[in-house]
Amino acid sequence: MKFINKSTNLLFLSYLALLSMLGFVATDMYLPAFKAIETTFSTSASQVASSLTFFLAGLAIGQLLYGPLVQRIGKRNSLLVGLFLFGLSSYGIATSESMLMFNICRFIQAIGACSAAVIWQAIVIDKYEADEAQKVFTNIMPLVALSPALAPILGAFILEHGEWRNIFLILTVLAAGLMIATRFWVKPELTKATSADSSQSSIGYLTMLKAPKYVGNVLIFGACSAAFFSYLTLWPIVMEMHGYEATEIGLSFIPQTIMFIVGGYLSKVLIRKVGAERTLSVLLMLFGTCVAAISFSVLIIQAKSIWPLLTIFSVLAAANGASYPIVVNCALQVFKQCSAKAAGLQNFLQISLAFGASSIVALWASAGEVAIAIGILVSAVGVFLGYKVRQLDTWDGMSKKLTFPDPARIAVHKVKDED
């Protein structure tokens, strides 16, 4: 019986992992097919690349849609709707005859993928107690880091043995499989909120932004992601500046992926020994140390090799991989009764900060690693602010923390002490 329970739990965690990776798989799996798509539609490389922009736009907008939808029709039905949209649009991409139809379907595909990104987190929060949910996040979130690395490899393999349309047909089949699993794993819910839950379920996004603990954790999540994307955006250009070829550039992303995963599982060990709060403090100290080291090596001594930045950032990636599960769980626990909406807003803010940072550092691409270092340094300020904010019970406490010493008041106290 224990073996059966463990197998069932493993299958359920695998289902959650697939949901968590769906958006990243859809983003990256078709990247090796850019040239083939360009040839099929007799279009330019920039037009094909714009399909990624359409997807990211849908991914950002879709994050905010599923929280309210879950409140109306429940997590199970909302997830089925999203997966159906994902599967239908994936089939539409596979059979599209123009770049316009391709891009429209990519936008819809992203909105469908958001259902998985938002609702899998809500399922974890609702199904498990806080400590157990922390363990689930710690187990699953490092696996998400594998998606950007493995998806292009899988896409290249499919392209080698067939045409690019097969990539999206496989995504269609994946959506159908996840819909079947959803009907099996996710129980139907009562769509009418009880009186006890009605106040929580009616919480709006603005109300969530008034909760310092939620905002602080989300800000850490988003700012750490911004630092990550500041690096990822310009790193290929930096390596080209140093004379490296495409194969070497691709291999250079492996250390960060491995360290991100290692960080996630080391976090699990630390949480078990010293608790989540102490672990987060240690991890953010490590993050800050890495930022200081990157700033020193790039901005102060201006290292001529890529190795200092690559090595230090790999350690920073481990700190990110370890801290993500903690801050995500802490943020969603604040609004446990409307976790889908909280997850949607959290993901929207994280994506906005990450791609905002990516877009800004891209403007100074010619500066290379200097732009990366400045982007990471600015992101670190956001991480620090997030850490301070998450310690507050109300926003009134923030003004007290930011109040500067009053010389007159200090003088009065000094006179009293002398008397």
Protein backbone atom coordinates (compact mmCIF):
# COMPACT_ATOMS: atom_id res chain seq x y z
CA MET A 1 0.00 0.00 0.00
CA LYS A 2 2.86 2.41 0.83
CA PHE A 3 4.42 1.66 -2.56
CA ILE A 4 1.12 2.45 -4.29
CA ASN A 5 0.75 5.71 -2.35
CA LYS A 6 4.31 6.75 -3.19
CA SER A 7 3.78 5.91 -6.87
CA THR A 8 0.52 7.86 -6.92
CA ASN A 9 2.16 10.85 -5.24
CA LEU A 10 5.06 10.70 -7.70
CA LEU A 11 2.66 10.67 -10.65
CA PHE A 12 0.78 13.63 -9.21
CA LEU A 13 4.01 15.58 -8.68
CA SER A 14 5.01 14.73 -12.27
CA TYR A 15 1.68 16.12 -13.44
CA LEU A 16 2.29 19.34 -11.49
CA ALA A 17 5.83 19.54 -12.91
CA LEU A 18 4.50 19.27 -16.48
CA LEU A 19 2.00 22.03 -15.77
CA SER A 20 4.75 24.23 -14.33
CA MET A 21 6.98 23.69 -17.40
CA LEU A 22 4.30 24.05 -20.09
CA GLY A 23 4.83 27.77 -20.75
CA PHE A 24 8.61 27.41 -20.97
CA VAL A 25 8.37 24.39 -23.25
CA ALA A 26 6.03 26.29 -25.58
CA THR A 27 8.37 29.29 -25.51
CA ASP A 28 11.62 27.48 -26.33
CA MET A 29 10.80 24.24 -28.12
CA TYR A 30 10.35 25.87 -31.54
CA LEU A 31 13.46 28.11 -31.38
CA PRO A 32 15.61 25.76 -33.54
CA ALA A 33 12.87 25.92 -36.22
CA PHE A 34 13.10 29.69 -36.83
CA LYS A 35 14.90 29.27 -40.15
CA ALA A 36 12.51 26.53 -41.34
CA ILE A 37 9.47 28.68 -40.46
CA GLU A 38 11.04 31.64 -42.26
CA THR A 39 11.46 29.50 -45.38
CA THR A 40 7.93 28.06 -45.20
CA PHE A 41 6.24 31.46 -45.06
CA SER A 42 8.80 33.26 -47.25
CA THR A 43 9.21 35.90 -44.57
CA SER A 44 12.02 37.64 -42.73
CA ALA A 45 13.86 36.48 -39.64
CA SER A 46 12.51 39.47 -37.69
CA GLN A 47 8.94 38.49 -38.54
CA VAL A 48 9.54 34.99 -37.21
CA ALA A 49 11.21 36.40 -34.11
CA SER A 50 8.13 38.58 -33.54
CA SER A 51 6.19 35.39 -32.78
CA LEU A 52 8.13 35.24 -29.51
CA THR A 53 7.00 38.78 -28.72
CA PHE A 54 3.37 37.79 -29.38
CA PHE A 55 3.79 34.83 -27.05
CA LEU A 56 5.35 36.88 -24.25
CA ALA A 57 2.57 39.49 -24.55
CA GLY A 58 -0.05 36.77 -24.20
CA LEU A 59 1.90 35.24 -21.32
CA ALA A 60 1.91 38.51 -19.38
CA ILE A 61 -1.76 39.37 -20.03
CA GLY A 62 -3.00 35.84 -19.36
CA GLN A 63 -1.55 35.77 -15.84
CA LEU A 64 -4.27 38.18 -14.67
CA LEU A 65 -7.19 36.35 -16.30
CA TYR A 66 -7.27 33.04 -14.49
CA GLY A 67 -7.59 34.26 -10.91
CA PRO A 68 -11.07 35.75 -11.51
CA LEU A 69 -11.98 32.81 -13.76
CA VAL A 70 -11.07 30.32 -11.02
CA GLN A 71 -13.40 32.14 -8.63
CA ARG A 72 -16.24 31.78 -11.13
CA ILE A 73 -15.83 28.22 -12.42
CA GLY A 74 -13.20 26.61 -10.16
CA LYS A 75 -9.61 25.48 -10.70
CA ARG A 76 -10.48 22.28 -12.55
CA ASN A 77 -12.73 23.91 -15.16
CA SER A 78 -10.42 26.91 -15.57
CA LEU A 79 -7.46 24.63 -16.15
CA LEU A 80 -9.43 22.59 -18.69
CA VAL A 81 -10.41 25.79 -20.52
CA GLY A 82 -6.80 26.97 -20.62
CA LEU A 83 -5.41 23.61 -21.75
CA PHE A 84 -8.10 23.41 -24.44
CA LEU A 85 -7.07 26.86 -25.72
CA PHE A 86 -3.44 25.78 -25.63
CA GLY A 87 -4.12 22.57 -27.56
CA LEU A 88 -6.43 24.21 -30.12
CA SER A 89 -4.01 27.06 -30.80
CA SER A 90 -1.06 24.63 -31.02
CA TYR A 91 -2.96 22.74 -33.71
CA GLY A 92 -3.76 26.07 -35.37
CA ILE A 93 -0.05 26.92 -35.48
CA ALA A 94 0.77 23.50 -36.93
CA THR A 95 -1.73 24.02 -39.76
CA SER A 96 -1.27 27.78 -40.27
CA GLU A 97 -0.68 29.05 -43.80
CA SER A 98 0.57 32.55 -43.01
CA MET A 99 2.77 34.32 -40.51
CA LEU A 100 -0.20 36.39 -39.36
CA MET A 101 -2.20 33.29 -38.43
CA PHE A 102 0.92 31.81 -36.81
CA ASN A 103 1.32 34.89 -34.57
CA ILE A 104 -2.37 35.10 -33.65
CA CYS A 105 -2.32 31.46 -32.60
CA ARG A 106 0.90 32.01 -30.64
CA PHE A 107 -0.80 34.78 -28.66
CA ILE A 108 -3.77 32.51 -27.87
CA GLN A 109 -1.41 29.63 -27.06
CA ALA A 110 0.32 31.81 -24.44
CA ILE A 111 -3.00 32.73 -22.81
CA GLY A 112 -3.84 29.03 -22.63
CA ALA A 113 -0.42 28.20 -21.16
CA CYS A 114 -1.01 30.73 -18.38
CA SER A 115 -3.71 28.52 -16.91
CA ALA A 116 -1.10 25.90 -16.07
CA ALA A 117 1.41 28.47 -14.78
CA VAL A 118 -1.12 30.02 -12.41
CA ILE A 119 -3.28 27.11 -11.33
CA TRP A 120 -0.60 24.52 -10.52
CA GLN A 121 0.65 26.85 -7.77
CA ALA A 122 -2.91 27.31 -6.48
CA ILE A 123 -3.43 23.53 -6.44
CA VAL A 124 -0.33 23.12 -4.25
CA ILE A 125 -1.42 25.87 -1.83
CA ASP A 126 -4.93 24.44 -1.52
CA LYS A 127 -3.96 20.78 -1.25
CA TYR A 128 -1.07 21.00 1.24
CA GLU A 129 -0.35 22.69 4.54
CA ALA A 130 2.26 25.47 4.48
CA ASP A 131 5.27 23.30 5.39
CA GLU A 132 4.29 20.53 2.99
CA ALA A 133 3.59 23.06 0.23
CA GLN A 134 7.10 24.43 0.76
CA LYS A 135 8.51 20.95 0.12
CA VAL A 136 6.46 20.54 -3.07
CA PHE A 137 7.60 23.92 -4.43
CA THR A 138 11.19 23.05 -3.56
CA ASN A 139 10.90 19.76 -5.45
CA ILE A 140 9.20 21.13 -8.56
CA MET A 141 10.57 24.62 -9.17
CA PRO A 142 14.18 23.53 -9.83
CA LEU A 143 12.84 21.26 -12.57
CA VAL A 144 11.39 24.31 -14.32
CA ALA A 145 14.97 25.43 -14.92
CA LEU A 146 15.47 22.38 -17.12
CA SER A 147 12.79 23.55 -19.56
CA PRO A 148 14.76 26.30 -21.33
CA ALA A 149 17.72 23.93 -21.67
CA LEU A 150 15.90 20.77 -22.78
CA ALA A 151 13.07 22.24 -24.89
CA PRO A 152 15.32 23.52 -27.73
CA ILE A 153 17.18 20.20 -27.77
CA LEU A 154 13.90 18.30 -28.09
CA GLY A 155 12.74 20.74 -30.78
CA ALA A 156 15.97 20.22 -32.73
CA PHE A 157 15.53 16.44 -32.50
CA ILE A 158 11.96 16.66 -33.85
CA LEU A 159 13.12 18.99 -36.63
CA GLU A 160 15.89 16.58 -37.58
CA HIS A 161 13.35 13.76 -38.07
CA GLY A 162 10.49 15.77 -39.53
CA GLU A 163 9.19 19.26 -40.21
CA TRP A 164 8.66 22.15 -37.80
CA ARG A 165 4.88 21.64 -37.74
CA ASN A 166 5.42 18.38 -35.82
CA ILE A 167 6.68 20.41 -32.83
CA PHE A 168 3.27 22.01 -32.42
CA LEU A 169 1.41 18.77 -33.11
CA ILE A 170 3.32 17.24 -30.18
CA LEU A 171 2.30 20.21 -28.03
CA THR A 172 -1.31 19.54 -29.07
CA VAL A 173 -1.01 15.94 -27.89
CA LEU A 174 0.62 17.11 -24.65
CA ALA A 175 -2.31 19.45 -23.99
CA ALA A 176 -4.77 16.59 -24.55
CA GLY A 177 -2.84 14.37 -22.13
CA LEU A 178 -2.80 17.09 -19.47
CA MET A 179 -6.56 17.60 -19.89
CA ILE A 180 -7.14 13.90 -19.21
CA ALA A 181 -4.82 14.04 -16.19
CA THR A 182 -6.61 17.15 -14.92
CA ARG A 183 -9.95 15.38 -14.95
CA PHE A 184 -8.35 12.58 -12.96
CA TRP A 185 -6.16 14.56 -10.51
CA VAL A 186 -8.08 17.80 -9.88
CA LYS A 187 -11.42 17.43 -8.14
CA PRO A 188 -14.39 19.56 -9.22
CA GLU A 189 -15.20 22.41 -6.85
CA LEU A 190 -18.25 24.24 -5.66
CA THR A 191 -18.23 27.49 -7.60
CA LYS A 192 -20.28 29.40 -5.01
CA ALA A 193 -18.14 30.67 -2.16
CA THR A 194 -19.31 30.02 1.36
CA SER A 195 -19.92 33.00 3.62
CA ALA A 196 -16.65 32.25 5.40
CA ASP A 197 -14.73 32.38 2.15
CA SER A 198 -16.61 35.16 0.40
CA SER A 199 -14.53 37.98 1.88
CA GLN A 200 -11.32 36.26 0.82
CA SER A 201 -12.52 35.21 -2.63
CA SER A 202 -13.64 38.75 -3.45
CA ILE A 203 -10.18 40.20 -2.77
CA GLY A 204 -8.99 42.28 -5.71
CA TYR A 205 -5.52 42.86 -7.11
CA LEU A 206 -5.27 46.32 -5.52
CA THR A 207 -6.03 44.83 -2.12
CA MET A 208 -3.22 42.31 -2.61
CA LEU A 209 -0.81 45.12 -3.38
CA LYS A 210 -1.69 46.64 0.01
CA ALA A 211 -0.30 43.57 1.81
CA PRO A 212 3.43 44.17 2.52
CA LYS A 213 4.25 40.51 3.16
CA TYR A 214 2.81 39.53 -0.23
CA VAL A 215 4.42 42.44 -2.09
CA GLY A 216 7.79 41.93 -0.43
CA ASN A 217 8.02 38.27 -1.42
CA VAL A 218 6.83 38.99 -4.96
CA LEU A 219 9.35 41.82 -5.26
CA ILE A 220 12.18 39.46 -4.28
CA PHE A 221 10.93 36.92 -6.82
CA GLY A 222 10.66 39.52 -9.59
CA ALA A 223 13.92 41.34 -8.82
CA CYS A 224 15.91 38.09 -8.66
CA SER A 225 14.37 37.15 -12.02
CA ALA A 226 15.29 40.60 -13.37
CA ALA A 227 18.92 39.98 -12.40
CA PHE A 228 18.77 36.59 -14.10
CA PHE A 229 17.35 38.03 -17.34
CA SER A 230 19.82 40.92 -17.33
CA TYR A 231 22.49 38.28 -17.69
CA LEU A 232 20.69 35.94 -20.09
CA THR A 233 19.79 38.74 -22.51
CA LEU A 234 23.33 39.95 -23.15
CA TRP A 235 25.47 36.93 -22.36
CA PRO A 236 25.49 35.57 -25.96
CA ILE A 237 26.56 39.02 -27.19
CA VAL A 238 29.32 39.20 -24.55
CA MET A 239 30.66 35.82 -25.61
CA GLU A 240 30.62 36.88 -29.26
CA MET A 241 32.62 39.98 -28.28
CA HIS A 242 35.20 37.65 -26.73
CA GLY A 243 35.40 35.57 -29.91
CA TYR A 244 33.35 32.50 -28.93
CA GLU A 245 31.28 30.50 -31.43
CA ALA A 246 27.59 29.47 -31.29
CA THR A 247 28.30 25.98 -29.89
CA GLU A 248 30.40 27.37 -27.07
CA ILE A 249 27.74 29.99 -26.31
CA GLY A 250 25.11 27.26 -26.01
CA LEU A 251 27.29 25.20 -23.69
CA SER A 252 27.94 28.21 -21.47
CA PHE A 253 24.31 28.14 -20.25
CA ILE A 254 24.71 24.64 -18.81
CA PRO A 255 26.53 25.69 -15.58
CA GLN A 256 23.77 28.12 -14.60
CA THR A 257 21.06 25.56 -15.30
CA ILE A 258 22.83 22.93 -13.19
CA MET A 259 23.50 25.38 -10.36
CA PHE A 260 19.88 26.57 -10.38
CA ILE A 261 18.73 22.98 -9.87
CA VAL A 262 21.41 22.27 -7.26
CA GLY A 263 20.36 25.43 -5.40
CA GLY A 264 16.76 24.27 -5.31
CA TYR A 265 17.63 20.98 -3.68
CA LEU A 266 20.17 22.51 -1.29
CA SER A 267 17.38 24.84 -0.20
CA LYS A 268 15.32 21.79 0.74
CA VAL A 269 18.12 20.57 2.99
CA LEU A 270 18.63 23.97 4.62
CA ILE A 271 14.92 24.48 5.25
CA ARG A 272 14.76 21.13 7.00
CA LYS A 273 17.69 22.07 9.26
CA VAL A 274 17.19 25.76 10.06
CA GLY A 275 13.74 26.70 8.72
CA ALA A 276 12.56 28.71 5.72
CA GLU A 277 13.12 32.21 7.16
CA ARG A 278 16.71 31.58 8.24
CA THR A 279 17.41 29.87 4.92
CA LEU A 280 16.08 32.84 2.94
CA SER A 281 18.26 35.25 4.91
CA VAL A 282 21.35 33.15 4.15
CA LEU A 283 20.44 32.86 0.47
CA LEU A 284 19.89 36.59 0.04
CA MET A 285 23.23 37.25 1.74
CA LEU A 286 24.78 34.89 -0.82
CA PHE A 287 22.92 36.74 -3.59
CA GLY A 288 24.25 40.08 -2.31
CA THR A 289 27.80 38.71 -2.10
CA CYS A 290 27.57 37.56 -5.72
CA VAL A 291 26.29 40.98 -6.82
CA ALA A 292 29.18 42.67 -5.01
CA ALA A 293 31.67 40.25 -6.62
CA ILE A 294 30.20 40.82 -10.10
CA SER A 295 30.31 44.60 -9.62
CA PHE A 296 33.93 44.41 -8.44
CA SER A 297 35.16 42.14 -11.24
CA VAL A 298 33.32 43.95 -14.05
CA LEU A 299 33.04 47.59 -12.97
CA ILE A 300 36.14 48.02 -10.78
CA ILE A 301 38.96 45.78 -12.05
CA GLN A 302 37.34 45.31 -15.49
CA ALA A 303 38.30 41.65 -15.94
CA LYS A 304 39.28 40.82 -19.52
CA SER A 305 38.03 37.22 -19.36
CA ILE A 306 34.45 35.89 -19.29
CA TRP A 307 35.29 33.39 -16.56
CA PRO A 308 34.86 35.59 -13.45
CA LEU A 309 31.36 36.69 -14.53
CA LEU A 310 30.38 33.17 -15.64
CA THR A 311 31.60 31.60 -12.38
CA ILE A 312 30.06 34.17 -10.04
CA PHE A 313 26.76 34.22 -11.88
CA SER A 314 26.52 30.43 -11.64
CA VAL A 315 26.65 30.79 -7.84
CA LEU A 316 24.04 33.57 -8.06
CA ALA A 317 21.85 31.20 -10.10
CA ALA A 318 22.06 28.68 -7.25
CA ALA A 319 20.92 31.38 -4.80
CA ASN A 320 17.98 32.18 -7.09
CA GLY A 321 17.01 28.55 -7.51
CA ALA A 322 17.04 28.10 -3.75
CA SER A 323 15.11 31.27 -2.87
CA TYR A 324 12.32 31.07 -5.49
CA PRO A 325 10.35 28.26 -3.78
CA ILE A 326 10.51 30.06 -0.42
CA VAL A 327 9.28 33.46 -1.57
CA VAL A 328 6.60 31.98 -3.86
CA ASN A 329 5.19 29.85 -1.04
CA CYS A 330 5.33 32.75 1.45
CA ALA A 331 3.57 35.10 -0.97
CA LEU A 332 0.74 32.71 -1.80
CA GLN A 333 0.19 31.74 1.84
CA VAL A 334 -0.87 35.36 2.51
CA PHE A 335 -3.92 34.88 0.26
CA LYS A 336 -4.46 31.15 0.63
CA GLN A 337 -8.23 31.35 -0.06
CA CYS A 338 -7.71 33.08 -3.42
CA SER A 339 -4.36 31.54 -4.31
CA ALA A 340 -5.03 31.40 -8.06
CA LYS A 341 -5.56 35.15 -8.24
CA ALA A 342 -2.53 35.75 -6.02
CA ALA A 343 -0.41 33.46 -8.22
CA GLY A 344 -1.59 35.26 -11.36
CA LEU A 345 -0.65 38.68 -10.03
CA GLN A 346 2.64 37.33 -8.72
CA ASN A 347 3.55 35.82 -12.10
CA PHE A 348 2.48 38.96 -13.96
CA LEU A 349 4.72 41.16 -11.80
CA GLN A 350 7.60 38.70 -12.05
CA ILE A 351 7.37 38.51 -15.85
CA SER A 352 7.00 42.30 -16.11
CA LEU A 353 10.11 42.95 -14.01
CA ALA A 354 12.14 40.25 -15.75
CA PHE A 355 11.35 41.30 -19.29
CA GLY A 356 11.51 44.97 -18.33
CA ALA A 357 15.08 44.42 -17.20
CA SER A 358 15.78 42.40 -20.33
CA SER A 359 14.48 45.18 -22.58
CA ILE A 360 16.41 47.92 -20.78
CA VAL A 361 19.81 46.19 -20.76
CA ALA A 362 19.28 45.32 -24.44
CA LEU A 363 19.37 49.06 -25.20
CA TRP A 364 22.99 49.11 -23.99
CA ALA A 365 23.98 45.81 -25.59
CA SER A 366 27.18 47.36 -26.93
CA ALA A 367 28.36 47.84 -23.34
CA GLY A 368 28.43 44.06 -22.90
CA GLU A 369 29.24 42.80 -19.43
CA VAL A 370 29.12 46.35 -18.01
CA ALA A 371 25.40 46.53 -18.89
CA ILE A 372 24.90 43.10 -17.30
CA ALA A 373 26.63 44.17 -14.07
CA ILE A 374 24.61 47.40 -13.83
CA GLY A 375 21.36 45.52 -14.54
CA ILE A 376 22.15 43.00 -11.79
CA LEU A 377 23.18 45.77 -9.38
CA VAL A 378 19.91 47.67 -9.90
CA SER A 379 17.95 44.43 -9.51
CA ALA A 380 19.73 43.81 -6.20
CA VAL A 381 18.26 47.06 -4.87
CA GLY A 382 14.81 45.62 -5.61
CA VAL A 383 15.73 42.41 -3.77
CA PHE A 384 16.86 44.40 -0.73
CA LEU A 385 13.65 46.46 -0.70
CA GLY A 386 11.58 43.30 -1.05
CA TYR A 387 13.35 41.73 1.94
CA LYS A 388 12.63 44.80 4.07
CA VAL A 389 9.00 45.04 2.94
CA ARG A 390 8.21 41.37 3.63
CA GLN A 391 9.07 41.95 7.30
CA LEU A 392 6.30 44.54 7.70
CA ASP A 393 2.80 43.87 8.98
CA THR A 394 1.46 47.15 7.55
CA TRP A 395 2.80 49.83 5.23
CA ASP A 396 2.87 52.26 8.18
CA GLY A 397 5.92 50.41 9.43
CA MET A 398 7.78 51.30 6.24
CA SER A 399 7.68 55.02 6.98
CA LYS A 400 9.18 54.34 10.41
CA LYS A 401 11.99 52.29 8.89
CA LEU A 402 12.72 55.05 6.38
CA THR A 403 12.56 57.93 8.91
CA PHE A 404 15.91 59.69 9.14
CA PRO A 405 17.30 60.71 12.55
CA ASP A 406 16.07 64.12 13.74
CA PRO A 407 19.09 66.13 15.06
CA ALA A 408 16.88 68.21 17.39
CA ARG A 409 15.35 65.07 18.89
CA ILE A 410 18.81 63.53 19.32
CA ALA A 411 20.01 66.69 21.09
CA VAL A 412 17.06 66.61 23.51
CA HIS A 413 17.79 62.99 24.42
CA LYS A 414 21.46 63.82 24.85
CA VAL A 415 20.66 66.66 27.31
CA LYS A 416 18.38 64.34 29.26
CA ASP A 417 21.11 61.72 29.45
CA GLU A 418 23.63 64.32 30.73
CA ASP A 419 21.18 65.47 33.43
